[in-house]
N, C-alpha and C. Protein backbone atom coordinates (compact mmCIF):
# COMPACT_ATOMS: atom_id res chain seq x y z
N MET A 1 100.82 147.48 115.20
CA MET A 1 100.82 148.14 113.91
C MET A 1 101.00 149.64 114.16
N SER A 2 102.01 150.22 113.53
CA SER A 2 102.26 151.64 113.73
C SER A 2 101.28 152.48 112.92
N LYS A 3 101.13 153.73 113.33
CA LYS A 3 100.23 154.64 112.60
C LYS A 3 100.74 154.87 111.18
N ASP A 4 102.06 154.93 111.02
CA ASP A 4 102.64 155.14 109.69
C ASP A 4 102.30 153.99 108.75
N LEU A 5 102.43 152.76 109.25
CA LEU A 5 102.11 151.59 108.43
C LEU A 5 100.62 151.55 108.10
N LYS A 6 99.81 151.88 109.09
CA LYS A 6 98.37 151.88 108.87
C LYS A 6 98.01 152.92 107.81
N LYS A 7 98.60 154.12 107.89
CA LYS A 7 98.33 155.17 106.91
C LYS A 7 98.81 154.74 105.53
N LYS A 8 100.00 154.13 105.45
CA LYS A 8 100.53 153.69 104.16
C LYS A 8 99.62 152.63 103.55
N ALA A 9 99.15 151.69 104.37
CA ALA A 9 98.26 150.63 103.88
C ALA A 9 96.94 151.21 103.39
N VAL A 10 96.38 152.17 104.12
CA VAL A 10 95.12 152.80 103.71
C VAL A 10 95.33 153.54 102.39
N ASP A 11 96.44 154.26 102.29
CA ASP A 11 96.75 154.98 101.04
C ASP A 11 96.89 154.01 99.87
N MET A 12 97.56 152.88 100.12
CA MET A 12 97.72 151.88 99.06
C MET A 12 96.36 151.33 98.63
N LEU A 13 95.50 151.01 99.61
CA LEU A 13 94.17 150.48 99.30
C LEU A 13 93.33 151.49 98.53
N LEU A 14 93.40 152.74 98.95
CA LEU A 14 92.66 153.79 98.24
C LEU A 14 93.21 154.00 96.82
N GLY A 15 94.47 153.66 96.64
CA GLY A 15 95.11 153.80 95.34
C GLY A 15 94.97 152.57 94.46
N GLY A 16 94.17 151.59 94.89
CA GLY A 16 93.92 150.43 94.05
C GLY A 16 94.59 149.15 94.50
N ALA A 17 95.26 149.17 95.64
CA ALA A 17 95.89 147.94 96.15
C ALA A 17 94.82 146.95 96.60
N THR A 18 95.23 145.71 96.76
CA THR A 18 94.31 144.67 97.22
C THR A 18 94.87 143.98 98.45
N LEU A 19 93.97 143.45 99.26
CA LEU A 19 94.39 142.64 100.40
C LEU A 19 94.76 141.25 99.90
N LEU A 20 95.83 140.69 100.42
CA LEU A 20 96.26 139.35 100.02
C LEU A 20 95.72 138.31 101.00
N SER A 21 95.38 137.16 100.47
CA SER A 21 94.90 136.09 101.35
C SER A 21 96.07 135.39 102.05
N GLU A 22 97.26 135.45 101.43
CA GLU A 22 98.43 134.81 102.05
C GLU A 22 99.00 135.75 103.11
N PRO A 23 99.28 135.23 104.30
CA PRO A 23 99.83 136.08 105.36
C PRO A 23 101.30 136.41 105.11
N CYS A 24 101.79 137.38 105.84
CA CYS A 24 103.19 137.77 105.76
C CYS A 24 104.06 136.55 106.10
N PRO A 25 105.11 136.28 105.31
CA PRO A 25 105.96 135.13 105.60
C PRO A 25 106.83 135.33 106.85
N TYR A 26 106.92 136.57 107.34
CA TYR A 26 107.76 136.86 108.49
C TYR A 26 107.00 136.85 109.81
N CYS A 27 105.80 137.49 109.81
CA CYS A 27 105.07 137.61 111.08
C CYS A 27 103.63 137.10 111.00
N LYS A 28 103.22 136.63 109.83
CA LYS A 28 101.86 136.13 109.59
C LYS A 28 100.80 137.22 109.63
N GLY A 29 101.23 138.49 109.46
CA GLY A 29 100.30 139.61 109.44
C GLY A 29 99.59 139.75 108.10
N VAL A 30 98.65 140.67 108.05
CA VAL A 30 97.88 140.95 106.83
C VAL A 30 98.75 141.77 105.88
N ARG A 31 98.64 141.45 104.59
CA ARG A 31 99.43 142.18 103.59
C ARG A 31 98.52 142.81 102.54
N VAL A 32 99.00 143.93 101.99
CA VAL A 32 98.35 144.57 100.85
C VAL A 32 99.34 144.55 99.69
N MET A 33 98.80 144.47 98.46
CA MET A 33 99.67 144.41 97.30
C MET A 33 99.26 145.46 96.28
N LYS A 34 100.29 146.12 95.75
CA LYS A 34 100.08 147.07 94.65
C LYS A 34 101.31 147.04 93.77
N ASP A 35 101.09 146.97 92.46
CA ASP A 35 102.17 146.96 91.47
C ASP A 35 103.19 145.85 91.73
N GLY A 36 102.72 144.71 92.20
CA GLY A 36 103.60 143.57 92.42
C GLY A 36 104.35 143.60 93.74
N ASN A 37 104.16 144.63 94.55
CA ASN A 37 104.83 144.73 95.85
C ASN A 37 103.84 144.45 96.96
N ALA A 38 104.18 143.52 97.83
CA ALA A 38 103.32 143.17 98.95
C ALA A 38 103.90 143.76 100.23
N LEU A 39 103.11 144.54 100.94
CA LEU A 39 103.54 145.18 102.18
C LEU A 39 102.76 144.60 103.35
N CYS A 40 103.47 144.18 104.40
CA CYS A 40 102.81 143.69 105.60
C CYS A 40 102.38 144.88 106.45
N ILE A 41 101.13 144.90 106.83
CA ILE A 41 100.60 146.00 107.65
C ILE A 41 101.12 145.89 109.08
N ASN A 42 101.46 144.68 109.51
CA ASN A 42 101.89 144.46 110.87
C ASN A 42 103.37 144.81 111.09
N CYS A 43 104.26 144.22 110.29
CA CYS A 43 105.70 144.43 110.51
C CYS A 43 106.35 145.36 109.50
N GLY A 44 105.66 145.67 108.40
CA GLY A 44 106.19 146.59 107.41
C GLY A 44 107.19 146.00 106.44
N ARG A 45 107.44 144.72 106.57
CA ARG A 45 108.43 144.09 105.69
C ARG A 45 107.79 143.66 104.38
N GLU A 46 108.63 143.59 103.36
CA GLU A 46 108.23 143.10 102.06
C GLU A 46 109.07 141.87 101.75
N PRO A 47 108.49 140.86 101.09
CA PRO A 47 109.29 139.69 100.71
C PRO A 47 110.44 140.11 99.81
N ASP A 48 111.47 139.28 99.75
CA ASP A 48 112.64 139.58 98.93
C ASP A 48 112.30 139.67 97.45
N GLN A 49 111.34 138.84 97.00
CA GLN A 49 110.94 138.85 95.60
C GLN A 49 109.60 139.52 95.45
N LYS A 50 109.41 140.22 94.33
CA LYS A 50 108.11 140.77 94.02
C LYS A 50 107.19 139.63 93.60
N ILE A 51 105.92 139.79 93.83
CA ILE A 51 104.94 138.79 93.43
C ILE A 51 105.01 138.54 91.93
N SER A 52 105.20 139.59 91.14
CA SER A 52 105.27 139.43 89.69
C SER A 52 106.45 138.56 89.28
N GLU A 53 107.58 138.64 90.02
CA GLU A 53 108.73 137.80 89.71
C GLU A 53 108.43 136.34 90.01
N ILE A 54 107.72 136.10 91.08
CA ILE A 54 107.35 134.73 91.44
C ILE A 54 106.41 134.17 90.39
N ASN A 55 105.42 134.97 89.96
CA ASN A 55 104.48 134.52 88.94
C ASN A 55 105.17 134.24 87.62
N SER A 56 106.17 135.05 87.26
CA SER A 56 106.86 134.81 85.99
C SER A 56 107.66 133.52 86.05
N PHE A 57 108.15 133.16 87.23
CA PHE A 57 108.85 131.89 87.38
C PHE A 57 107.89 130.72 87.22
N SER A 58 106.70 130.85 87.80
CA SER A 58 105.75 129.74 87.74
C SER A 58 105.18 129.54 86.35
N SER A 59 105.21 130.58 85.52
CA SER A 59 104.70 130.43 84.17
C SER A 59 105.86 130.16 83.21
N ASP A 60 106.67 129.22 83.57
CA ASP A 60 107.85 128.83 82.80
C ASP A 60 107.43 128.44 81.39
N LYS A 61 107.85 129.20 80.38
CA LYS A 61 107.38 129.00 79.01
C LYS A 61 107.72 127.63 78.44
N PRO A 62 108.95 127.12 78.58
CA PRO A 62 109.21 125.80 78.00
C PRO A 62 108.30 124.71 78.59
N THR A 63 108.03 124.78 79.87
CA THR A 63 107.15 123.80 80.50
C THR A 63 105.74 123.93 79.95
N LEU A 64 105.25 125.15 79.87
CA LEU A 64 103.91 125.37 79.33
C LEU A 64 103.81 124.89 77.89
N GLU A 65 104.82 125.18 77.11
CA GLU A 65 104.81 124.76 75.70
C GLU A 65 104.76 123.23 75.59
N LYS A 66 105.51 122.55 76.43
CA LYS A 66 105.50 121.07 76.42
C LYS A 66 104.13 120.53 76.81
N LEU A 67 103.55 121.12 77.85
CA LEU A 67 102.23 120.67 78.30
C LEU A 67 101.16 120.94 77.25
N GLU A 68 101.24 122.09 76.61
CA GLU A 68 100.27 122.41 75.56
C GLU A 68 100.44 121.51 74.35
N LYS A 69 101.67 121.13 74.03
CA LYS A 69 101.93 120.19 72.94
C LYS A 69 101.33 118.83 73.28
N LYS A 70 101.52 118.39 74.52
CA LYS A 70 100.96 117.12 74.97
C LYS A 70 99.44 117.16 74.91
N LEU A 71 98.86 118.29 75.29
CA LEU A 71 97.41 118.45 75.22
C LEU A 71 96.92 118.32 73.78
N SER A 72 97.64 118.92 72.87
CA SER A 72 97.30 118.82 71.45
C SER A 72 97.40 117.37 70.96
N ASP A 73 98.48 116.69 71.36
CA ASP A 73 98.67 115.29 70.97
C ASP A 73 97.54 114.40 71.50
N LEU A 74 97.17 114.62 72.75
CA LEU A 74 96.10 113.82 73.34
C LEU A 74 94.75 114.10 72.67
N THR A 75 94.53 115.34 72.29
CA THR A 75 93.29 115.69 71.59
C THR A 75 93.22 114.96 70.24
N ASP A 76 94.34 114.94 69.53
CA ASP A 76 94.40 114.21 68.26
C ASP A 76 94.15 112.72 68.48
N GLU A 77 94.78 112.19 69.53
CA GLU A 77 94.62 110.76 69.86
C GLU A 77 93.16 110.45 70.19
N LEU A 78 92.51 111.36 70.92
CA LEU A 78 91.11 111.16 71.31
C LEU A 78 90.20 111.07 70.08
N THR A 79 90.44 111.91 69.10
CA THR A 79 89.58 111.91 67.91
C THR A 79 89.72 110.63 67.10
N LYS A 80 90.87 109.98 67.22
CA LYS A 80 91.11 108.75 66.45
C LYS A 80 90.71 107.49 67.21
N GLU A 81 90.60 107.60 68.52
CA GLU A 81 90.34 106.42 69.35
C GLU A 81 88.90 105.94 69.22
N LYS A 82 88.73 104.63 69.05
CA LYS A 82 87.39 104.03 68.90
C LYS A 82 86.87 103.46 70.22
N SER A 83 87.78 102.99 71.06
CA SER A 83 87.39 102.35 72.31
C SER A 83 86.89 103.39 73.32
N HIS A 84 85.69 103.17 73.82
CA HIS A 84 85.09 104.09 74.79
C HIS A 84 85.95 104.16 76.07
N GLU A 85 86.46 103.04 76.53
CA GLU A 85 87.27 103.01 77.75
C GLU A 85 88.56 103.83 77.57
N LYS A 86 89.21 103.67 76.43
CA LYS A 86 90.43 104.42 76.18
C LYS A 86 90.13 105.91 76.02
N GLN A 87 88.97 106.23 75.45
CA GLN A 87 88.56 107.62 75.32
C GLN A 87 88.42 108.27 76.70
N GLN A 88 87.83 107.51 77.62
CA GLN A 88 87.66 108.02 78.99
C GLN A 88 89.01 108.29 79.66
N LEU A 89 89.95 107.39 79.46
CA LEU A 89 91.29 107.58 80.03
C LEU A 89 91.98 108.80 79.43
N ILE A 90 91.84 108.98 78.14
CA ILE A 90 92.44 110.13 77.47
C ILE A 90 91.80 111.43 77.98
N LEU A 91 90.48 111.40 78.14
CA LEU A 91 89.78 112.59 78.65
C LEU A 91 90.24 112.96 80.05
N LYS A 92 90.47 111.97 80.90
CA LYS A 92 90.98 112.24 82.25
C LYS A 92 92.35 112.89 82.17
N SER A 93 93.19 112.38 81.28
CA SER A 93 94.52 112.97 81.11
C SER A 93 94.42 114.40 80.60
N ILE A 94 93.52 114.64 79.67
CA ILE A 94 93.32 115.98 79.13
C ILE A 94 92.87 116.94 80.24
N ASN A 95 91.93 116.50 81.05
CA ASN A 95 91.46 117.35 82.15
C ASN A 95 92.58 117.69 83.13
N LEU A 96 93.41 116.71 83.46
CA LEU A 96 94.53 116.96 84.37
C LEU A 96 95.53 117.94 83.75
N LEU A 97 95.78 117.79 82.46
CA LEU A 97 96.69 118.71 81.77
C LEU A 97 96.14 120.13 81.78
N ILE A 98 94.86 120.27 81.51
CA ILE A 98 94.25 121.61 81.50
C ILE A 98 94.36 122.25 82.88
N GLU A 99 94.08 121.50 83.93
CA GLU A 99 94.19 122.02 85.30
C GLU A 99 95.62 122.46 85.60
N THR A 100 96.59 121.66 85.19
CA THR A 100 98.00 121.98 85.44
C THR A 100 98.41 123.23 84.68
N ILE A 101 98.02 123.33 83.43
CA ILE A 101 98.34 124.50 82.62
C ILE A 101 97.74 125.77 83.24
N GLU A 102 96.49 125.68 83.69
CA GLU A 102 95.84 126.83 84.33
C GLU A 102 96.58 127.25 85.59
N LYS A 103 97.03 126.29 86.39
CA LYS A 103 97.76 126.61 87.61
C LYS A 103 99.08 127.29 87.30
N LEU A 104 99.76 126.84 86.26
CA LEU A 104 101.04 127.45 85.90
C LEU A 104 100.87 128.85 85.35
N LYS A 105 99.75 129.11 84.72
CA LYS A 105 99.53 130.43 84.14
C LYS A 105 99.12 131.46 85.17
N ARG A 106 98.67 131.02 86.34
CA ARG A 106 98.26 131.97 87.38
C ARG A 106 99.42 132.66 88.00
C-alpha cells in the first residue's frame, strides 16, 4: 500500500467514507466508499461501475411493482381464507415475498 493511497483513504474516512465488507474485486484488498465510489486501499483501483449504479439496477422498479402487487393479492387472499393450513401456506409465501422485496430495495 503506497503512502499516497493510505493518505487518500484516511482523508476519505475522515470525510465520512465507510469501510466496505466486500473486498476489492481485483486484488481482494480493503476498500473505502464515499459518494458511491469504492476505492481499494491496496491497489488503488475502482470498479467499473459505481455502487449506486449497481444498487439502482437491483432495485428494478417493474420487478418490485410486480412483487408488491403479488404481496397485496396474497394479503387479500389471506383475509378471505378459512382453512388454517392454507392460511399458513399463504403466510409463508408472504414472508418470502417480503424478504425478496427487502433484498431488492437494498
